[in-house]
Amino acid sequence: MNGSDELRGSPAPAGAAAAPAAVQRGRVFAIVALALLMMSVDSTIVATALHALQHGLDTSINWAAWTITAYSFGFVLMLPVAGKLSERWGCRRVFLGSVVAFTAASLACGLAENIYVLIALRALQAAGGAGFTPSATGIVVEHFGDARDRAVSLFGSIFPIGAMIGPVFGGMFVAYWSWRGVFFVNVPIGIAIIVLALRHVPPDRPASKARRQRMDAAGMALLGAGLLGGMLAVGWLGERGGHPASWRFVLPALIAVAALWGFFRHIGRCADPFIAPRLIHGAGFGSVNLVNVVYGGVANGAMTLLPLFAANRFGIGAFGSGSLLVAQGLAAIAFSIAAALALRRTGHRLPLYAGGAVIAAGLLLIAVAPPAGIAAYTWLAAAAFVVGAGRGTVNPASRNAGLQLAPEHSSTLAALRTASLQIGAITTVSVVTAILARSDDPGRVQAWIYAALALLLAAALPLAARVPEHRGAW
């Protein structure tokens, strides 16, 4: 039986309880994949419209950039909430609610006439988008039987597609229509997802006693304050002139430390915590979360800055430097699919070792100067392909390693994984840009940073030995 056969599922035996038909699994996967693709496109498409948005709303570039920052803040803050809501109310309900919120907010963003209103709407849009990954993962885990590991693994091939096509569509909308098109494009897609999900996604199973328990409002508030404070502190370091001694860094940093300390103290004492402590730092889970921060988040942050490096170090133009990420995306898609199909034979640790080492090697290739006779663009594109190959190899294992330990908490674990990626990426970008802002030769300094990141990822490879091993379906 090949991968697609397993995704479709086997016919149910006579007299078995009603279950999604074999062909329904493919439809359900296509529906949730379309939602994930829409979210992935949105994470990159808005960046291409910043200049047009700035002039269209007659604002400064700083305020225009807050349309991206507000989305990142809202996304990270709402991820754990979405995971908990999925477990309590059901993944289908949260999935539909998230798509409705995301679609309505996208329409409102496209109609906004004020930058401050647009920033607030982007936060609302993020609240909807944050529910996609936890609820989609929960739907797959709940309804795909022994094919769920393959289906969840294939999620890793969806996000690179969105990251590649987002800038292309964004450029087309800005060139031939308006910046508003980058938001309006979500509306027909969102409506189609809602209609298809209502028809084809199986209803949630009856709520369990755990789902009926009260939400941990105190835990949610403490975690939200901690994450927001930390992101504001790190974000200030990324601003030109930002300094660790400034109150703009010290105040949110102190709030973050106090709130996160209070959060971990609270969940350790609460009878029904917002996030069970073992899912964060318990046996197996802590290692998986660290792997996601380092080989997912840090690597993603490093590659986000590749176009900047290409421009500063080698004078490559905007289109050429941006297209370097296409090489990474193509490699990530191909290797993610291959790794997903091989995961039951390789287990989790082998692809983590191999993929982590390849990512480190790719970052080191970016750091070193191209050999004589090789164009800088060609060298960087090849290095980006290597990084993408490593990330694609790591993705299925890092996605499944935690889920197989506690499938009943699949939505929360998916949210934690995505939050780990976001936190790692945002921290990397903020710290690196803070260093570059104080440099007289940012291209040369960034090359050394890539070398340092390569060493960091290589030094972190022993983490793979602490990830719970598993072969076969779970």
Protein backbone atom coordinates (compact mmCIF):
# COMPACT_ATOMS: atom_id res chain seq x y z
CA MET A 1 0.00 0.00 0.00
CA ASN A 2 1.48 3.37 -0.98
CA GLY A 3 1.15 6.71 0.79
CA SER A 4 -1.90 7.90 -1.16
CA ASP A 5 -3.69 4.60 -0.55
CA GLU A 6 -3.14 5.00 3.18
CA LEU A 7 -4.36 8.60 3.09
CA ARG A 8 -7.57 7.50 1.38
CA GLY A 9 -8.02 4.78 3.98
CA SER A 10 -9.37 1.26 3.72
CA PRO A 11 -13.04 0.39 3.28
CA ALA A 12 -14.80 -0.12 6.60
CA PRO A 13 -15.84 -3.67 7.36
CA ALA A 14 -19.49 -4.60 7.17
CA GLY A 15 -21.42 -3.58 10.24
CA ALA A 16 -18.75 -1.16 11.40
CA ALA A 17 -19.73 2.12 12.96
CA ALA A 18 -20.24 4.96 10.57
CA ALA A 19 -16.96 6.57 9.59
CA PRO A 20 -15.80 8.87 6.84
CA ALA A 21 -15.84 7.09 3.52
CA ALA A 22 -12.50 6.24 1.99
CA VAL A 23 -12.77 9.02 -0.56
CA GLN A 24 -13.80 11.49 2.15
CA ARG A 25 -10.36 11.45 3.75
CA GLY A 26 -8.86 12.89 0.59
CA ARG A 27 -11.51 15.60 0.49
CA VAL A 28 -11.09 16.46 4.15
CA PHE A 29 -7.33 16.69 3.75
CA ALA A 30 -7.73 18.94 0.70
CA ILE A 31 -10.06 21.27 2.64
CA VAL A 32 -7.82 21.69 5.68
CA ALA A 33 -4.76 21.93 3.41
CA LEU A 34 -6.41 24.78 1.49
CA ALA A 35 -6.96 26.64 4.77
CA LEU A 36 -3.32 26.13 5.78
CA LEU A 37 -2.22 27.31 2.33
CA MET A 38 -4.35 30.46 2.64
CA MET A 39 -2.77 31.21 6.03
CA SER A 40 0.72 30.55 4.67
CA VAL A 41 0.19 32.85 1.68
CA ASP A 42 -1.06 35.59 3.98
CA SER A 43 2.13 35.43 6.04
CA THR A 44 4.20 36.60 3.06
CA ILE A 45 1.83 38.37 0.67
CA VAL A 46 1.32 41.47 2.85
CA ALA A 47 5.05 42.23 2.97
CA THR A 48 5.04 42.85 -0.80
CA ALA A 49 2.35 45.52 -0.43
CA LEU A 50 3.92 47.58 2.38
CA HIS A 51 5.13 50.40 0.12
CA ALA A 52 1.79 50.68 -1.68
CA LEU A 53 -0.09 50.39 1.61
CA GLN A 54 2.00 53.16 3.13
CA HIS A 55 1.14 55.58 0.33
CA GLY A 56 -2.45 54.37 -0.01
CA LEU A 57 -3.21 55.14 3.64
CA ASP A 58 -0.86 58.14 3.81
CA THR A 59 1.15 56.80 6.74
CA SER A 60 4.78 56.15 7.69
CA ILE A 61 6.68 52.98 6.91
CA ASN A 62 6.91 52.26 10.65
CA TRP A 63 3.14 52.20 11.02
CA ALA A 64 2.77 50.26 7.79
CA ALA A 65 5.18 47.64 9.15
CA TRP A 66 2.95 47.27 12.20
CA THR A 67 0.45 45.49 9.96
CA ILE A 68 2.96 42.62 9.95
CA THR A 69 4.02 42.99 13.57
CA ALA A 70 0.43 43.03 14.84
CA TYR A 71 -0.30 39.86 12.90
CA SER A 72 2.74 38.12 14.41
CA PHE A 73 1.78 39.21 17.93
CA GLY A 74 -1.82 38.09 17.56
CA PHE A 75 -0.83 34.82 15.94
CA VAL A 76 1.60 33.76 18.67
CA LEU A 77 -0.70 34.86 21.48
CA MET A 78 -3.76 33.07 20.11
CA LEU A 79 -2.12 29.77 19.14
CA PRO A 80 -2.32 28.16 22.61
CA VAL A 81 -5.86 29.50 23.03
CA ALA A 82 -6.91 27.92 19.73
CA GLY A 83 -5.37 24.60 20.74
CA LYS A 84 -7.24 24.56 24.04
CA LEU A 85 -10.51 25.60 22.42
CA SER A 86 -10.16 22.81 19.85
CA GLU A 87 -9.86 20.23 22.62
CA ARG A 88 -12.76 21.71 24.56
CA TRP A 89 -15.30 22.55 21.85
CA GLY A 90 -14.24 20.28 19.00
CA CYS A 91 -11.84 20.75 16.11
CA ARG A 92 -14.49 21.15 13.39
CA ARG A 93 -16.23 23.97 15.29
CA VAL A 94 -12.95 25.78 15.92
CA PHE A 95 -11.84 25.23 12.31
CA LEU A 96 -15.05 26.73 10.92
CA GLY A 97 -14.99 29.58 13.44
CA SER A 98 -11.37 30.34 12.57
CA VAL A 99 -12.08 30.43 8.84
CA VAL A 100 -15.11 32.70 9.38
CA ALA A 101 -13.07 35.09 11.56
CA PHE A 102 -10.11 35.09 9.16
CA THR A 103 -12.31 35.67 6.11
CA ALA A 104 -14.39 38.44 7.70
CA ALA A 105 -11.26 40.17 9.02
CA SER A 106 -9.63 39.91 5.58
CA LEU A 107 -12.62 41.63 3.99
CA ALA A 108 -12.55 44.35 6.64
CA CYS A 109 -8.77 44.81 6.16
CA GLY A 110 -9.30 45.37 2.44
CA LEU A 111 -11.94 48.01 3.17
CA ALA A 112 -9.95 49.83 5.88
CA GLU A 113 -9.34 53.54 5.34
CA ASN A 114 -7.18 54.12 8.43
CA ILE A 115 -3.83 52.55 9.34
CA TYR A 116 -4.78 52.18 13.01
CA VAL A 117 -7.99 50.37 12.12
CA LEU A 118 -6.04 48.15 9.73
CA ILE A 119 -3.52 47.23 12.46
CA ALA A 120 -6.35 46.25 14.82
CA LEU A 121 -8.01 44.20 12.09
CA ARG A 122 -4.75 42.41 11.35
CA ALA A 123 -4.64 41.28 14.99
CA LEU A 124 -8.19 39.97 14.59
CA GLN A 125 -7.19 38.24 11.36
CA ALA A 126 -4.31 36.58 13.23
CA ALA A 127 -6.73 35.34 15.90
CA GLY A 128 -8.59 33.50 13.15
CA GLY A 129 -5.48 32.22 11.41
CA ALA A 130 -4.05 30.90 14.67
CA GLY A 131 -6.86 28.35 14.84
CA PHE A 132 -6.08 26.69 11.51
CA THR A 133 -3.11 24.49 12.44
CA PRO A 134 -4.39 23.20 15.82
CA SER A 135 -7.88 22.43 14.53
CA ALA A 136 -6.68 20.96 11.22
CA THR A 137 -4.23 18.70 13.07
CA GLY A 138 -6.98 17.62 15.46
CA ILE A 139 -9.33 16.80 12.57
CA VAL A 140 -6.71 14.60 10.95
CA VAL A 141 -5.77 12.85 14.19
CA GLU A 142 -9.41 12.20 15.05
CA HIS A 143 -10.66 10.95 11.69
CA PHE A 144 -7.72 9.54 9.70
CA GLY A 145 -7.01 6.39 11.73
CA ASP A 146 -3.68 4.74 10.94
CA ALA A 147 -3.08 7.23 8.10
CA ARG A 148 -2.89 10.22 10.41
CA ASP A 149 0.90 10.23 10.73
CA ARG A 150 1.28 10.45 6.95
CA ALA A 151 -1.37 13.15 6.62
CA VAL A 152 0.09 15.30 9.41
CA SER A 153 3.56 14.88 7.90
CA LEU A 154 2.33 16.23 4.57
CA PHE A 155 1.34 19.51 6.25
CA GLY A 156 5.04 20.38 6.09
CA SER A 157 4.91 20.55 2.29
CA ILE A 158 2.03 23.06 2.29
CA PHE A 159 3.67 26.00 4.06
CA PRO A 160 6.64 26.34 1.65
CA ILE A 161 4.18 26.51 -1.26
CA GLY A 162 2.38 29.43 0.35
CA ALA A 163 5.64 31.15 1.21
CA MET A 164 6.68 30.96 -2.46
CA ILE A 165 3.46 32.03 -4.16
CA GLY A 166 2.57 34.76 -1.64
CA PRO A 167 5.12 37.31 -2.91
CA VAL A 168 4.21 36.51 -6.52
CA PHE A 169 0.50 37.17 -6.02
CA GLY A 170 1.26 40.18 -3.83
CA GLY A 171 3.39 41.72 -6.55
CA MET A 172 0.69 41.09 -9.17
CA PHE A 173 -2.04 42.67 -7.06
CA VAL A 174 0.04 45.74 -6.28
CA ALA A 175 1.16 46.14 -9.90
CA TYR A 176 -2.19 45.59 -11.62
CA TRP A 177 -4.81 46.35 -8.97
CA SER A 178 -4.32 47.67 -5.43
CA TRP A 179 -2.77 46.76 -2.09
CA ARG A 180 -6.30 45.93 -1.00
CA GLY A 181 -6.18 42.88 -3.22
CA VAL A 182 -3.75 41.11 -0.86
CA PHE A 183 -6.62 40.98 1.65
CA PHE A 184 -9.58 40.56 -0.71
CA VAL A 185 -8.03 37.42 -2.23
CA ASN A 186 -8.77 35.55 1.02
CA VAL A 187 -12.51 36.22 0.84
CA PRO A 188 -13.59 33.85 -1.99
CA ILE A 189 -11.13 31.21 -0.79
CA GLY A 190 -12.44 31.46 2.78
CA ILE A 191 -16.07 31.21 1.63
CA ALA A 192 -15.23 28.13 -0.45
CA ILE A 193 -13.50 26.50 2.55
CA ILE A 194 -16.52 27.18 4.78
CA VAL A 195 -18.96 25.64 2.28
CA LEU A 196 -16.77 22.60 1.67
CA ALA A 197 -16.04 22.07 5.37
CA LEU A 198 -19.72 22.19 6.29
CA ARG A 199 -20.37 19.48 3.73
CA HIS A 200 -17.35 17.20 3.98
CA VAL A 201 -15.58 17.58 7.34
CA PRO A 202 -17.11 15.06 9.78
CA PRO A 203 -18.97 16.50 12.80
CA ASP A 204 -17.15 16.61 16.10
CA ARG A 205 -17.65 13.69 18.41
CA PRO A 206 -19.75 14.29 21.56
CA ALA A 207 -17.87 16.51 23.99
CA SER A 208 -15.99 14.62 26.68
CA LYS A 209 -15.92 15.64 30.33
CA ALA A 210 -12.50 17.22 29.75
CA ARG A 211 -13.95 19.43 27.05
CA ARG A 212 -16.65 20.69 29.43
CA GLN A 213 -14.18 21.85 32.05
CA ARG A 214 -13.79 25.58 32.58
CA MET A 215 -11.16 27.45 30.64
CA ASP A 216 -8.10 28.53 32.60
CA ALA A 217 -8.50 32.29 32.16
CA ALA A 218 -5.69 33.14 34.58
CA GLY A 219 -3.24 30.90 32.74
CA MET A 220 -4.26 32.38 29.39
CA ALA A 221 -3.76 35.93 30.68
CA LEU A 222 -0.34 35.17 32.20
CA LEU A 223 0.92 33.42 29.07
CA GLY A 224 -0.41 36.20 26.85
CA ALA A 225 1.28 38.89 28.93
CA GLY A 226 4.55 36.94 29.00
CA LEU A 227 4.67 36.34 25.25
CA LEU A 228 3.62 39.87 24.36
CA GLY A 229 6.13 41.40 26.76
CA GLY A 230 8.94 39.24 25.42
CA MET A 231 8.10 39.99 21.79
CA LEU A 232 7.90 43.73 22.46
CA ALA A 233 11.27 43.65 24.25
CA VAL A 234 12.98 41.70 21.48
CA GLY A 235 11.23 43.80 18.85
CA TRP A 236 12.65 46.98 20.38
CA LEU A 237 16.17 45.56 20.10
CA GLY A 238 15.54 45.18 16.39
CA GLU A 239 14.83 48.89 16.00
CA ARG A 240 17.64 51.23 14.99
CA GLY A 241 18.87 52.84 18.18
CA GLY A 242 17.35 50.14 20.37
CA HIS A 243 19.51 49.38 23.41
CA PRO A 244 19.21 46.81 26.24
CA ALA A 245 19.56 49.62 28.81
CA SER A 246 16.53 51.47 27.45
CA TRP A 247 13.29 51.39 29.46
CA ARG A 248 11.55 50.34 26.24
CA PHE A 249 13.42 47.06 26.53
CA VAL A 250 13.71 46.72 30.29
CA LEU A 251 10.03 47.30 31.12
CA PRO A 252 8.48 44.73 28.72
CA ALA A 253 11.32 42.31 29.50
CA LEU A 254 10.55 42.51 33.24
CA ILE A 255 6.85 42.06 32.53
CA ALA A 256 7.64 39.02 30.37
CA VAL A 257 9.83 37.41 33.03
CA ALA A 258 7.30 38.05 35.80
CA ALA A 259 4.32 36.86 33.75
CA LEU A 260 6.03 33.71 32.47
CA TRP A 261 7.27 32.87 35.97
CA GLY A 262 3.70 33.32 37.19
CA PHE A 263 2.40 31.20 34.31
CA PHE A 264 4.65 28.21 35.04
CA ARG A 265 3.94 28.52 38.77
CA HIS A 266 0.21 28.67 38.04
CA ILE A 267 0.00 25.65 35.73
CA GLY A 268 2.01 23.63 38.22
CA ARG A 269 -0.65 24.24 40.87
CA CYS A 270 -3.84 24.48 38.80
CA ALA A 271 -6.08 21.39 38.70
CA ASP A 272 -7.02 22.00 35.05
CA PRO A 273 -4.24 24.19 33.60
CA PHE A 274 -4.43 26.03 30.31
CA ILE A 275 -1.49 23.94 29.08
CA ALA A 276 -0.41 20.86 30.99
CA PRO A 277 3.20 21.37 32.19
CA ARG A 278 4.29 18.00 30.80
CA LEU A 279 3.37 19.12 27.27
CA ILE A 280 5.86 21.99 27.59
CA HIS A 281 8.83 20.52 29.45
CA GLY A 282 7.85 16.96 30.35
CA ALA A 283 9.76 13.85 29.30
CA GLY A 284 10.03 13.84 25.53
CA PHE A 285 7.95 16.97 25.01
CA GLY A 286 10.65 19.40 26.17
CA SER A 287 13.16 17.99 23.67
CA VAL A 288 10.63 18.10 20.84
CA ASN A 289 9.78 21.74 21.61
CA LEU A 290 13.47 22.71 21.65
CA VAL A 291 14.02 20.95 18.33
CA ASN A 292 11.15 22.97 16.86
CA VAL A 293 12.57 26.24 18.19
CA VAL A 294 16.10 25.57 16.87
CA TYR A 295 15.66 23.65 13.61
CA GLY A 296 12.31 25.23 12.77
CA GLY A 297 12.20 28.73 14.21
CA VAL A 298 15.86 29.76 14.21
CA ALA A 299 16.41 28.28 10.75
CA ASN A 300 13.32 30.05 9.43
CA GLY A 301 14.43 33.36 10.89
CA ALA A 302 17.87 32.97 9.33
CA MET A 303 16.38 32.30 5.90
CA THR A 304 13.95 35.20 6.22
CA LEU A 305 17.00 37.47 6.30
CA LEU A 306 18.67 35.85 3.27
CA PRO A 307 17.36 38.47 0.76
CA LEU A 308 18.76 41.21 3.01
CA PHE A 309 22.14 39.44 3.08
CA ALA A 310 22.14 39.01 -0.70
CA ALA A 311 21.51 42.72 -1.16
CA ASN A 312 23.99 43.96 1.46
CA ARG A 313 26.82 41.53 0.73
CA PHE A 314 26.60 41.07 -3.03
CA GLY A 315 24.38 43.90 -4.29
CA ILE A 316 21.77 41.52 -5.70
CA GLY A 317 18.52 43.31 -6.62
CA ALA A 318 15.16 42.99 -4.87
CA PHE A 319 13.67 40.48 -7.31
CA GLY A 320 16.79 38.31 -7.45
CA SER A 321 17.33 38.31 -3.69
CA GLY A 322 13.68 37.47 -3.04
CA SER A 323 13.69 34.62 -5.55
CA LEU A 324 16.43 32.87 -3.57
CA LEU A 325 13.74 31.66 -1.20
CA VAL A 326 12.09 29.79 -4.07
CA ALA A 327 15.04 27.39 -4.14
CA GLN A 328 14.59 26.75 -0.43
CA GLY A 329 10.85 26.24 -0.85
CA LEU A 330 11.17 23.76 -3.71
CA ALA A 331 13.67 21.69 -1.74
CA ALA A 332 11.53 21.80 1.40
CA ILE A 333 8.48 20.55 -0.49
CA ALA A 334 10.28 17.67 -2.20
CA PHE A 335 12.21 16.48 0.84
CA SER A 336 9.24 16.90 3.18
CA ILE A 337 7.12 14.59 1.04
CA ALA A 338 9.95 12.05 0.75
CA ALA A 339 10.63 12.16 4.49
CA ALA A 340 6.93 11.80 5.27
CA LEU A 341 6.66 8.65 3.17
CA ALA A 342 9.80 7.17 4.73
CA LEU A 343 9.10 8.17 8.33
CA ARG A 344 7.65 4.83 9.44
CA ARG A 345 10.89 3.12 8.42
CA THR A 346 13.40 5.77 9.50
CA GLY A 347 11.81 6.67 12.81
CA HIS A 348 12.14 10.17 14.22
CA ARG A 349 15.77 10.49 15.22
CA LEU A 350 17.52 9.68 11.92
CA PRO A 351 15.79 12.45 9.90
CA LEU A 352 16.35 14.89 12.77
CA TYR A 353 20.08 14.13 12.83
CA ALA A 354 20.40 14.19 9.04
CA GLY A 355 18.15 17.19 8.45
CA GLY A 356 19.71 19.22 11.28
CA ALA A 357 23.21 18.58 9.95
CA VAL A 358 22.15 19.56 6.43
CA ILE A 359 20.58 22.82 7.65
CA ALA A 360 23.80 23.67 9.51
CA ALA A 361 25.83 22.90 6.38
CA GLY A 362 23.58 25.09 4.25
CA LEU A 363 23.91 28.05 6.63
CA LEU A 364 27.69 27.63 6.60
CA LEU A 365 27.66 27.66 2.78
CA ILE A 366 25.77 30.97 2.90
CA ALA A 367 28.43 32.39 5.23
CA VAL A 368 31.46 31.58 3.07
CA ALA A 369 32.33 33.51 -0.06
CA PRO A 370 31.52 31.90 -3.42
CA PRO A 371 34.47 30.11 -5.06
CA ALA A 372 36.07 31.79 -8.06
CA GLY A 373 34.02 31.37 -11.20
CA ILE A 374 30.68 30.85 -9.43
CA ALA A 375 28.22 33.75 -9.40
CA ALA A 376 27.05 34.92 -5.99
CA TYR A 377 23.40 34.35 -6.91
CA THR A 378 24.08 30.77 -8.02
CA TRP A 379 26.04 30.03 -4.85
CA LEU A 380 23.36 31.47 -2.56
CA ALA A 381 20.57 29.68 -4.44
CA ALA A 382 22.41 26.37 -4.05
CA ALA A 383 22.98 27.05 -0.34
CA ALA A 384 19.29 27.93 0.10
CA PHE A 385 18.36 24.66 -1.61
CA VAL A 386 20.56 22.78 0.88
CA VAL A 387 18.86 24.51 3.82
CA GLY A 388 15.45 23.73 2.33
CA ALA A 389 16.40 20.08 1.92
CA GLY A 390 17.35 19.90 5.59
CA ARG A 391 14.20 21.64 6.74
CA GLY A 392 12.05 19.35 4.61
CA THR A 393 13.78 16.32 6.11
CA VAL A 394 13.25 17.54 9.67
CA ASN A 395 9.61 18.64 9.32
CA PRO A 396 7.68 15.32 9.38
CA ALA A 397 9.68 13.92 12.29
CA SER A 398 9.46 17.10 14.39
CA ARG A 399 5.73 17.34 13.68
CA ASN A 400 4.94 13.71 14.61
CA ALA A 401 7.36 13.21 17.52
CA GLY A 402 5.20 15.04 20.04
CA LEU A 403 1.84 14.02 18.60
CA GLN A 404 2.49 10.31 18.94
CA LEU A 405 3.13 10.76 22.67
CA ALA A 406 -0.31 12.27 23.36
CA PRO A 407 -2.71 12.12 20.38
CA GLU A 408 -5.57 13.20 22.65
CA HIS A 409 -3.83 16.60 22.97
CA SER A 410 -3.06 16.91 19.26
CA SER A 411 -4.56 20.40 18.90
CA THR A 412 -2.60 21.84 21.82
CA LEU A 413 0.62 20.14 20.67
CA ALA A 414 0.17 21.52 17.14
CA ALA A 415 -0.32 24.98 18.63
CA LEU A 416 2.80 24.62 20.78
CA ARG A 417 4.84 23.54 17.77
CA THR A 418 3.72 26.51 15.67
CA ALA A 419 4.31 28.87 18.60
CA SER A 420 7.82 27.43 19.00
CA LEU A 421 8.53 28.12 15.33
CA GLN A 422 7.22 31.68 15.58
CA ILE A 423 9.12 32.48 18.77
CA GLY A 424 12.38 31.10 17.38
CA ALA A 425 11.99 33.03 14.12
CA ILE A 426 10.96 36.34 15.70
CA THR A 427 13.78 36.18 18.24
CA THR A 428 16.36 35.38 15.55
CA VAL A 429 15.23 38.16 13.23
CA SER A 430 15.07 40.73 16.03
CA VAL A 431 18.48 39.89 17.50
CA VAL A 432 20.20 39.72 14.11
CA THR A 433 18.70 43.01 12.89
CA ALA A 434 19.70 44.65 16.18
CA ILE A 435 23.31 43.58 15.56
CA LEU A 436 23.21 44.71 11.94
CA ALA A 437 21.82 48.12 12.90
CA ARG A 438 25.06 48.85 14.79
CA SER A 439 27.35 47.59 12.05
CA ASP A 440 29.31 49.62 9.52
CA ASP A 441 29.49 46.62 7.16
CA PRO A 442 26.22 44.68 7.63
CA GLY A 443 26.93 42.26 4.78
CA ARG A 444 30.20 41.04 6.30
CA VAL A 445 28.74 40.92 9.82
CA GLN A 446 25.73 38.94 8.62
CA ALA A 447 28.07 36.39 7.04
CA TRP A 448 29.66 35.83 10.46
CA ILE A 449 26.19 35.54 11.97
CA TYR A 450 25.30 32.77 9.52
CA ALA A 451 28.50 30.96 10.50
CA ALA A 452 27.60 31.32 14.18
CA LEU A 453 24.08 30.02 13.55
CA ALA A 454 25.54 27.04 11.68
CA LEU A 455 27.69 26.22 14.71
CA LEU A 456 24.67 26.61 17.00
CA LEU A 457 22.60 24.15 14.98
CA ALA A 458 25.49 21.70 14.79
CA ALA A 459 26.00 21.92 18.56
CA ALA A 460 22.27 21.28 19.11
CA LEU A 461 22.27 17.96 17.19
CA PRO A 462 22.46 15.87 20.43
CA LEU A 463 18.89 17.05 21.11
CA ALA A 464 17.76 14.46 18.56
CA ALA A 465 18.91 11.67 20.88
CA ARG A 466 16.42 12.90 23.50
CA VAL A 467 13.45 12.89 21.10
CA PRO A 468 11.24 9.81 21.69
CA GLU A 469 11.86 7.24 18.96
CA HIS A 470 8.97 5.68 17.09
CA ARG A 471 8.52 3.62 13.94
CA GLY A 472 5.33 2.70 12.18
CA ALA A 473 1.91 4.30 12.52
CA TRP A 474 0.74 5.79 15.82
